[in-house]
C-alpha atoms as a PDB file:
ATOM      1  CA  UNK A   1     -38.372  15.139  12.767  1.00  0.00           C
ATOM      2  CA  UNK A   2     -40.363  12.716  11.939  1.00  0.00           C
ATOM      3  CA  UNK A   3     -42.557   9.690  11.696  1.00  0.00           C
ATOM      4  CA  UNK A   4     -41.679   6.325  10.206  1.00  0.00           C
ATOM      5  CA  UNK A   5     -43.250   7.457   6.936  1.00  0.00           C
ATOM      6  CA  UNK A   6     -40.202   9.362   5.734  1.00  0.00           C
ATOM      7  CA  UNK A   7     -38.541  10.588   2.620  1.00  0.00           C
ATOM      8  CA  UNK A   8     -34.760  10.616   2.843  1.00  0.00           C
ATOM      9  CA  UNK A   9     -32.668  13.067   0.847  1.00  0.00           C
ATOM     10  CA  UNK A  10     -28.987  12.177   0.704  1.00  0.00           C
ATOM     11  CA  UNK A  11     -26.378  14.654  -0.453  1.00  0.00           C
ATOM     12  CA  UNK A  12     -22.704  13.778  -0.424  1.00  0.00           C
ATOM     13  CA  UNK A  13     -20.318  16.721  -0.199  1.00  0.00           C
ATOM     14  CA  UNK A  14     -16.825  16.911  -1.645  1.00  0.00           C
ATOM     15  CA  UNK A  15     -15.253  15.983   1.696  1.00  0.00           C
ATOM     16  CA  UNK A  16     -17.138  12.679   1.746  1.00  0.00           C
ATOM     17  CA  UNK A  17     -19.605  13.472   4.492  1.00  0.00           C
ATOM     18  CA  UNK A  18     -23.216  12.587   3.857  1.00  0.00           C
ATOM     19  CA  UNK A  19     -26.091  14.851   4.889  1.00  0.00           C
ATOM     20  CA  UNK A  20     -29.429  13.138   5.400  1.00  0.00           C
ATOM     21  CA  UNK A  21     -32.658  15.124   5.604  1.00  0.00           C
ATOM     22  CA  UNK A  22     -35.854  13.453   6.786  1.00  0.00           C
ATOM     23  CA  UNK A  23     -39.358  14.671   6.056  1.00  0.00           C
ATOM     24  CA  UNK A  24     -42.733  13.360   7.092  1.00  0.00           C
ATOM     25  CA  UNK A  25     -44.300  12.336   3.794  1.00  0.00           C
ATOM     26  CA  UNK A  26     -47.897  12.967   4.882  1.00  0.00           C
ATOM     27  CA  UNK A  27     -47.053  16.343   6.342  1.00  0.00           C
ATOM     28  CA  UNK A  28     -45.074  17.278   3.245  1.00  0.00           C
ATOM     29  CA  UNK A  29     -48.000  16.512   0.947  1.00  0.00           C
ATOM     30  CA  UNK A  30     -50.427  18.523   3.043  1.00  0.00           C
ATOM     31  CA  UNK A  31     -48.092  21.510   3.362  1.00  0.00           C
ATOM     32  CA  UNK A  32     -47.381  21.392  -0.368  1.00  0.00           C
ATOM     33  CA  UNK A  33     -51.079  21.844  -1.114  1.00  0.00           C
ATOM     34  CA  UNK A  34     -51.344  24.677   1.388  1.00  0.00           C
ATOM     35  CA  UNK A  35     -48.351  26.504  -0.061  1.00  0.00           C
ATOM     36  CA  UNK A  36     -49.769  26.033  -3.553  1.00  0.00           C
ATOM     37  CA  UNK A  37     -52.860  27.899  -2.333  1.00  0.00           C
ATOM     38  CA  UNK A  38     -50.675  30.605  -0.821  1.00  0.00           C
ATOM     39  CA  UNK A  39     -49.030  31.194  -4.203  1.00  0.00           C
ATOM     40  CA  UNK A  40     -52.426  31.446  -5.853  1.00  0.00           C
ATOM     41  CA  UNK A  41     -53.644  33.906  -3.247  1.00  0.00           C
ATOM     42  CA  UNK A  42     -50.727  36.290  -3.702  1.00  0.00           C
ATOM     43  CA  UNK A  43     -51.446  36.406  -7.434  1.00  0.00           C
ATOM     44  CA  UNK A  44     -48.912  33.874  -8.698  1.00  0.00           C
ATOM     45  CA  UNK A  45     -49.359  30.931 -11.029  1.00  0.00           C
ATOM     46  CA  UNK A  46     -48.059  27.830  -9.170  1.00  0.00           C
ATOM     47  CA  UNK A  47     -47.935  25.789 -12.364  1.00  0.00           C
ATOM     48  CA  UNK A  48     -45.592  28.077 -14.274  1.00  0.00           C
ATOM     49  CA  UNK A  49     -42.130  26.658 -14.859  1.00  0.00           C
ATOM     50  CA  UNK A  50     -40.293  28.555 -12.142  1.00  0.00           C
ATOM     51  CA  UNK A  51     -42.841  27.700  -9.444  1.00  0.00           C
ATOM     52  CA  UNK A  52     -43.863  24.138 -10.249  1.00  0.00           C
ATOM     53  CA  UNK A  53     -41.703  22.628  -7.496  1.00  0.00           C
ATOM     54  CA  UNK A  54     -41.787  25.607  -5.144  1.00  0.00           C
ATOM     55  CA  UNK A  55     -44.709  24.452  -2.939  1.00  0.00           C
ATOM     56  CA  UNK A  56     -42.935  21.178  -2.158  1.00  0.00           C
ATOM     57  CA  UNK A  57     -39.667  22.979  -1.502  1.00  0.00           C
ATOM     58  CA  UNK A  58     -41.483  25.335   0.880  1.00  0.00           C
ATOM     59  CA  UNK A  59     -43.112  22.372   2.622  1.00  0.00           C
ATOM     60  CA  UNK A  60     -39.739  20.770   3.241  1.00  0.00           C
ATOM     61  CA  UNK A  61     -38.121  24.066   4.147  1.00  0.00           C
ATOM     62  CA  UNK A  62     -40.617  24.929   6.900  1.00  0.00           C
ATOM     63  CA  UNK A  63     -40.201  21.463   8.401  1.00  0.00           C
ATOM     64  CA  UNK A  64     -36.455  21.966   8.578  1.00  0.00           C
ATOM     65  CA  UNK A  65     -36.722  25.520   9.911  1.00  0.00           C
ATOM     66  CA  UNK A  66     -38.986  24.366  12.755  1.00  0.00           C
ATOM     67  CA  UNK A  67     -37.487  20.945  13.495  1.00  0.00           C
ATOM     68  CA  UNK A  68     -36.674  22.085  17.033  1.00  0.00           C
ATOM     69  CA  UNK A  69     -40.174  21.058  18.087  1.00  0.00           C
ATOM     70  CA  UNK A  70     -39.102  17.447  17.603  1.00  0.00           C
ATOM     71  CA  UNK A  71     -36.004  17.755  19.818  1.00  0.00           C
ATOM     72  CA  UNK A  72     -35.678  17.542  23.606  1.00  0.00           C
ATOM     73  CA  UNK A  73     -32.904  20.034  24.499  1.00  0.00           C
ATOM     74  CA  UNK A  74     -32.512  18.630  28.020  1.00  0.00           C
ATOM     75  CA  UNK A  75     -31.890  15.186  26.590  1.00  0.00           C
ATOM     76  CA  UNK A  76     -29.125  16.663  24.441  1.00  0.00           C
ATOM     77  CA  UNK A  77     -27.319  17.784  27.596  1.00  0.00           C
ATOM     78  CA  UNK A  78     -27.975  14.542  29.461  1.00  0.00           C
ATOM     79  CA  UNK A  79     -26.538  12.518  26.572  1.00  0.00           C
ATOM     80  CA  UNK A  80     -23.089  13.958  27.327  1.00  0.00           C
ATOM     81  CA  UNK A  81     -23.197  14.753  31.036  1.00  0.00           C
ATOM     82  CA  UNK A  82     -19.985  13.920  32.848  1.00  0.00           C
ATOM     83  CA  UNK A  83     -18.730  14.214  36.420  1.00  0.00           C
ATOM     84  CA  UNK A  84     -15.864  16.704  36.583  1.00  0.00           C
ATOM     85  CA  UNK A  85     -14.393  18.728  39.474  1.00  0.00           C
ATOM     86  CA  UNK A  86     -14.137  21.981  37.521  1.00  0.00           C
ATOM     87  CA  UNK A  87     -15.663  25.179  38.914  1.00  0.00           C
ATOM     88  CA  UNK A  88     -14.506  27.876  36.528  1.00  0.00           C
ATOM     89  CA  UNK A  89     -16.410  29.452  33.693  1.00  0.00           C
ATOM     90  CA  UNK A  90     -17.156  27.454  30.536  1.00  0.00           C
ATOM     91  CA  UNK A  91     -18.059  29.809  27.679  1.00  0.00           C
ATOM     92  CA  UNK A  92     -19.198  28.945  24.169  1.00  0.00           C
ATOM     93  CA  UNK A  93     -19.625  32.176  22.248  1.00  0.00           C
ATOM     94  CA  UNK A  94     -20.562  33.301  18.757  1.00  0.00           C
ATOM     95  CA  UNK A  95     -23.048  30.438  18.300  1.00  0.00           C
ATOM     96  CA  UNK A  96     -24.951  31.221  15.103  1.00  0.00           C
ATOM     97  CA  UNK A  97     -28.708  31.576  15.489  1.00  0.00           C
ATOM     98  CA  UNK A  98     -31.277  31.251  12.724  1.00  0.00           C
ATOM     99  CA  UNK A  99     -34.858  31.481  13.910  1.00  0.00           C
ATOM    100  CA  UNK A 100     -38.312  32.576  12.758  1.00  0.00           C
ATOM    101  CA  UNK A 101     -40.134  35.417  14.468  1.00  0.00           C
ATOM    102  CA  UNK A 102     -43.495  34.053  15.588  1.00  0.00           C
ATOM    103  CA  UNK A 103     -45.298  37.308  14.755  1.00  0.00           C
ATOM    104  CA  UNK A 104     -44.525  37.394  11.025  1.00  0.00           C
ATOM    105  CA  UNK A 105     -42.604  34.144  10.419  1.00  0.00           C
ATOM    106  CA  UNK A 106     -39.719  36.199   9.069  1.00  0.00           C
ATOM    107  CA  UNK A 107     -36.171  35.220  10.090  1.00  0.00           C
ATOM    108  CA  UNK A 108     -34.063  36.758  12.798  1.00  0.00           C
ATOM    109  CA  UNK A 109     -30.389  35.887  12.749  1.00  0.00           C
ATOM    110  CA  UNK A 110     -27.533  36.494  15.132  1.00  0.00           C
ATOM    111  CA  UNK A 111     -25.251  34.988  17.751  1.00  0.00           C
ATOM    112  CA  UNK A 112     -25.613  33.516  21.227  1.00  0.00           C
ATOM    113  CA  UNK A 113     -22.965  33.603  23.948  1.00  0.00           C
ATOM    114  CA  UNK A 114     -23.593  30.905  26.553  1.00  0.00           C
ATOM    115  CA  UNK A 115     -21.611  30.317  29.754  1.00  0.00           C
ATOM    116  CA  UNK A 116     -22.008  28.217  32.868  1.00  0.00           C
ATOM    117  CA  UNK A 117     -19.969  27.429  35.956  1.00  0.00           C
ATOM    118  CA  UNK A 118     -20.090  23.678  36.668  1.00  0.00           C
ATOM    119  CA  UNK A 119     -21.125  22.251  39.999  1.00  0.00           C
ATOM    120  CA  UNK A 120     -19.895  18.687  39.687  1.00  0.00           C
ATOM    121  CA  UNK A 121     -21.039  18.086  36.107  1.00  0.00           C
ATOM    122  CA  UNK A 122     -20.025  19.315  32.680  1.00  0.00           C
ATOM    123  CA  UNK A 123     -21.483  18.621  29.249  1.00  0.00           C
ATOM    124  CA  UNK A 124     -19.987  18.250  25.779  1.00  0.00           C
ATOM    125  CA  UNK A 125     -19.230  21.647  24.258  1.00  0.00           C
ATOM    126  CA  UNK A 126     -21.120  20.864  21.068  1.00  0.00           C
ATOM    127  CA  UNK A 127     -24.198  20.111  23.170  1.00  0.00           C
ATOM    128  CA  UNK A 128     -24.443  23.766  24.197  1.00  0.00           C
ATOM    129  CA  UNK A 129     -24.643  24.794  20.552  1.00  0.00           C
ATOM    130  CA  UNK A 130     -27.180  22.040  19.864  1.00  0.00           C
ATOM    131  CA  UNK A 131     -29.393  23.263  22.712  1.00  0.00           C
ATOM    132  CA  UNK A 132     -29.311  26.759  21.241  1.00  0.00           C
ATOM    133  CA  UNK A 133     -30.278  25.382  17.844  1.00  0.00           C
ATOM    134  CA  UNK A 134     -33.061  23.187  19.262  1.00  0.00           C
ATOM    135  CA  UNK A 135     -34.807  26.196  20.769  1.00  0.00           C
ATOM    136  CA  UNK A 136     -34.010  28.526  17.862  1.00  0.00           C
ATOM    137  CA  UNK A 137     -35.535  26.179  15.272  1.00  0.00           C
ATOM    138  CA  UNK A 138     -39.034  26.983  16.475  1.00  0.00           C
ATOM    139  CA  UNK A 139     -41.331  29.972  16.097  1.00  0.00           C
ATOM    140  CA  UNK A 140     -39.755  32.331  18.600  1.00  0.00           C
ATOM    141  CA  UNK A 141     -39.309  35.714  20.166  1.00  0.00           C
ATOM    142  CA  UNK A 142     -35.758  36.564  21.156  1.00  0.00           C
ATOM    143  CA  UNK A 143     -36.669  37.218  24.783  1.00  0.00           C
ATOM    144  CA  UNK A 144     -38.181  33.746  25.260  1.00  0.00           C
ATOM    145  CA  UNK A 145     -35.354  32.063  23.371  1.00  0.00           C
ATOM    146  CA  UNK A 146     -32.792  33.607  25.725  1.00  0.00           C
ATOM    147  CA  UNK A 147     -34.617  32.416  28.831  1.00  0.00           C
ATOM    148  CA  UNK A 148     -35.308  28.927  27.458  1.00  0.00           C
ATOM    149  CA  UNK A 149     -31.614  28.316  26.804  1.00  0.00           C
ATOM    150  CA  UNK A 150     -30.699  29.575  30.282  1.00  0.00           C
ATOM    151  CA  UNK A 151     -33.347  27.519  32.071  1.00  0.00           C
ATOM    152  CA  UNK A 152     -32.581  24.312  30.186  1.00  0.00           C
ATOM    153  CA  UNK A 153     -28.908  24.410  31.176  1.00  0.00           C
ATOM    154  CA  UNK A 154     -29.688  25.415  34.766  1.00  0.00           C
ATOM    155  CA  UNK A 155     -32.308  22.724  35.297  1.00  0.00           C
ATOM    156  CA  UNK A 156     -30.389  19.918  33.572  1.00  0.00           C
ATOM    157  CA  UNK A 157     -26.830  20.474  34.810  1.00  0.00           C
ATOM    158  CA  UNK A 158     -27.600  22.377  38.052  1.00  0.00           C
ATOM    159  CA  UNK A 159     -24.489  24.545  37.681  1.00  0.00           C
ATOM    160  CA  UNK A 160     -23.456  27.376  39.994  1.00  0.00           C
ATOM    161  CA  UNK A 161     -24.724  29.817  37.395  1.00  0.00           C
ATOM    162  CA  UNK A 162     -25.693  30.304  33.750  1.00  0.00           C
ATOM    163  CA  UNK A 163     -25.322  33.337  31.496  1.00  0.00           C
ATOM    164  CA  UNK A 164     -26.876  33.814  28.062  1.00  0.00           C
ATOM    165  CA  UNK A 165     -26.617  36.849  25.792  1.00  0.00           C
ATOM    166  CA  UNK A 166     -28.138  36.938  22.307  1.00  0.00           C
ATOM    167  CA  UNK A 167     -27.517  39.596  19.651  1.00  0.00           C
ATOM    168  CA  UNK A 168     -29.773  39.396  16.604  1.00  0.00           C
ATOM    169  CA  UNK A 169     -30.921  41.234  13.498  1.00  0.00           C
ATOM    170  CA  UNK A 170     -34.674  40.927  12.999  1.00  0.00           C
ATOM    171  CA  UNK A 171     -35.680  40.984   9.343  1.00  0.00           C
ATOM    172  CA  UNK A 172     -39.244  41.858  10.364  1.00  0.00           C
ATOM    173  CA  UNK A 173     -37.746  45.229  11.345  1.00  0.00           C
ATOM    174  CA  UNK A 174     -35.372  45.447   8.386  1.00  0.00           C
ATOM    175  CA  UNK A 175     -37.579  44.263   5.504  1.00  0.00           C
ATOM    176  CA  UNK A 176     -40.953  45.600   6.633  1.00  0.00           C
ATOM    177  CA  UNK A 177     -42.443  47.868   9.296  1.00  0.00           C
ATOM    178  CA  UNK A 178     -39.918  50.505  10.407  1.00  0.00           C
ATOM    179  CA  UNK A 179     -37.331  49.160   7.900  1.00  0.00           C
ATOM    180  CA  UNK A 180     -34.267  49.794  10.077  1.00  0.00           C
ATOM    181  CA  UNK A 181     -31.603  47.636   8.449  1.00  0.00           C
ATOM    182  CA  UNK A 182     -28.824  48.212  10.973  1.00  0.00           C
ATOM    183  CA  UNK A 183     -30.654  47.773  14.273  1.00  0.00           C
ATOM    184  CA  UNK A 184     -29.536  44.897  16.500  1.00  0.00           C
ATOM    185  CA  UNK A 185     -31.453  43.558  19.501  1.00  0.00           C
ATOM    186  CA  UNK A 186     -29.563  42.300  22.560  1.00  0.00           C
ATOM    187  CA  UNK A 187     -31.142  40.184  25.302  1.00  0.00           C
ATOM    188  CA  UNK A 188     -29.603  38.625  28.393  1.00  0.00           C
ATOM    189  CA  UNK A 189     -30.551  36.144  31.100  1.00  0.00           C
ATOM    190  CA  UNK A 190     -28.538  35.068  34.158  1.00  0.00           C
ATOM    191  CA  UNK A 191     -28.776  32.701  37.117  1.00  0.00           C
ATOM    192  CA  UNK A 192     -26.741  31.992  40.220  1.00  0.00           C
ATOM    193  CA  UNK A 193     -23.302  33.544  40.535  1.00  0.00           C
ATOM    194  CA  UNK A 194     -23.760  35.520  37.313  1.00  0.00           C
ATOM    195  CA  UNK A 195     -26.569  37.364  39.094  1.00  0.00           C
ATOM    196  CA  UNK A 196     -25.039  37.587  42.573  1.00  0.00           C
ATOM    197  CA  UNK A 197     -21.349  38.188  41.820  1.00  0.00           C
ATOM    198  CA  UNK A 198     -20.667  41.237  39.676  1.00  0.00           C
ATOM    199  CA  UNK A 199     -17.042  40.129  39.155  1.00  0.00           C
ATOM    200  CA  UNK A 200     -18.188  36.884  37.543  1.00  0.00           C
ATOM    201  CA  UNK A 201     -20.652  38.776  35.363  1.00  0.00           C
ATOM    202  CA  UNK A 202     -17.989  41.335  34.422  1.00  0.00           C
ATOM    203  CA  UNK A 203     -15.580  38.539  33.436  1.00  0.00           C
ATOM    204  CA  UNK A 204     -18.292  37.046  31.222  1.00  0.00           C
ATOM    205  CA  UNK A 205     -19.093  40.391  29.581  1.00  0.00           C
ATOM    206  CA  UNK A 206     -15.393  41.004  29.008  1.00  0.00           C
ATOM    207  CA  UNK A 207     -14.843  37.589  27.435  1.00  0.00           C
ATOM    208  CA  UNK A 208     -17.762  37.766  25.009  1.00  0.00           C
ATOM    209  CA  UNK A 209     -16.485  41.129  23.790  1.00  0.00           C
ATOM    210  CA  UNK A 210     -12.860  40.038  23.409  1.00  0.00           C
ATOM    211  CA  UNK A 211     -11.252  38.414  20.378  1.00  0.00           C
ATOM    212  CA  UNK A 212      -8.948  35.724  21.711  1.00  0.00           C
ATOM    213  CA  UNK A 213      -8.352  33.903  18.433  1.00  0.00           C
END
């Protein structure tokens, strides 16, 4: 996410794994000042004890929440692209999504169900989830996010078909505006055999709605 001028935050969890976060130092300083002004303009005192470090935390947070701009999703797929003579459906479902609505910069959260039917090439299963995350960690609308995931997989792997369904709760509808806390938005996008063959599409719809584990 980031230039060579980085700050590294290292946190070691109980299981021994180390999480490293990288932040552009120049960008962090500039954003910190901007967020300090935001706090002033909403009537807060950014130098009071509880808020003294908040502008910097916000600066680092927004960089993390939008780090998808620094990632090439197609390259993620190409990094684990393998020849394989398999032509049945590959489905990765219930992929968690955390994104920011571009209209209000308020989160929308949900799940993506992504399937493709290989045409000579497969990719690592984790790469599908990483592609979803790379597009989600940007300012988004759910409709565009759905299509971007579909098109990236179709163009990079050239499968026989791709299917993407996203279900999400938009906090811009729950916290403000119409304030409907239980509304869920569903979007879908298909290519190839998922469009042309209703049996393939029906199998996909059945699988994403079935608990097999």
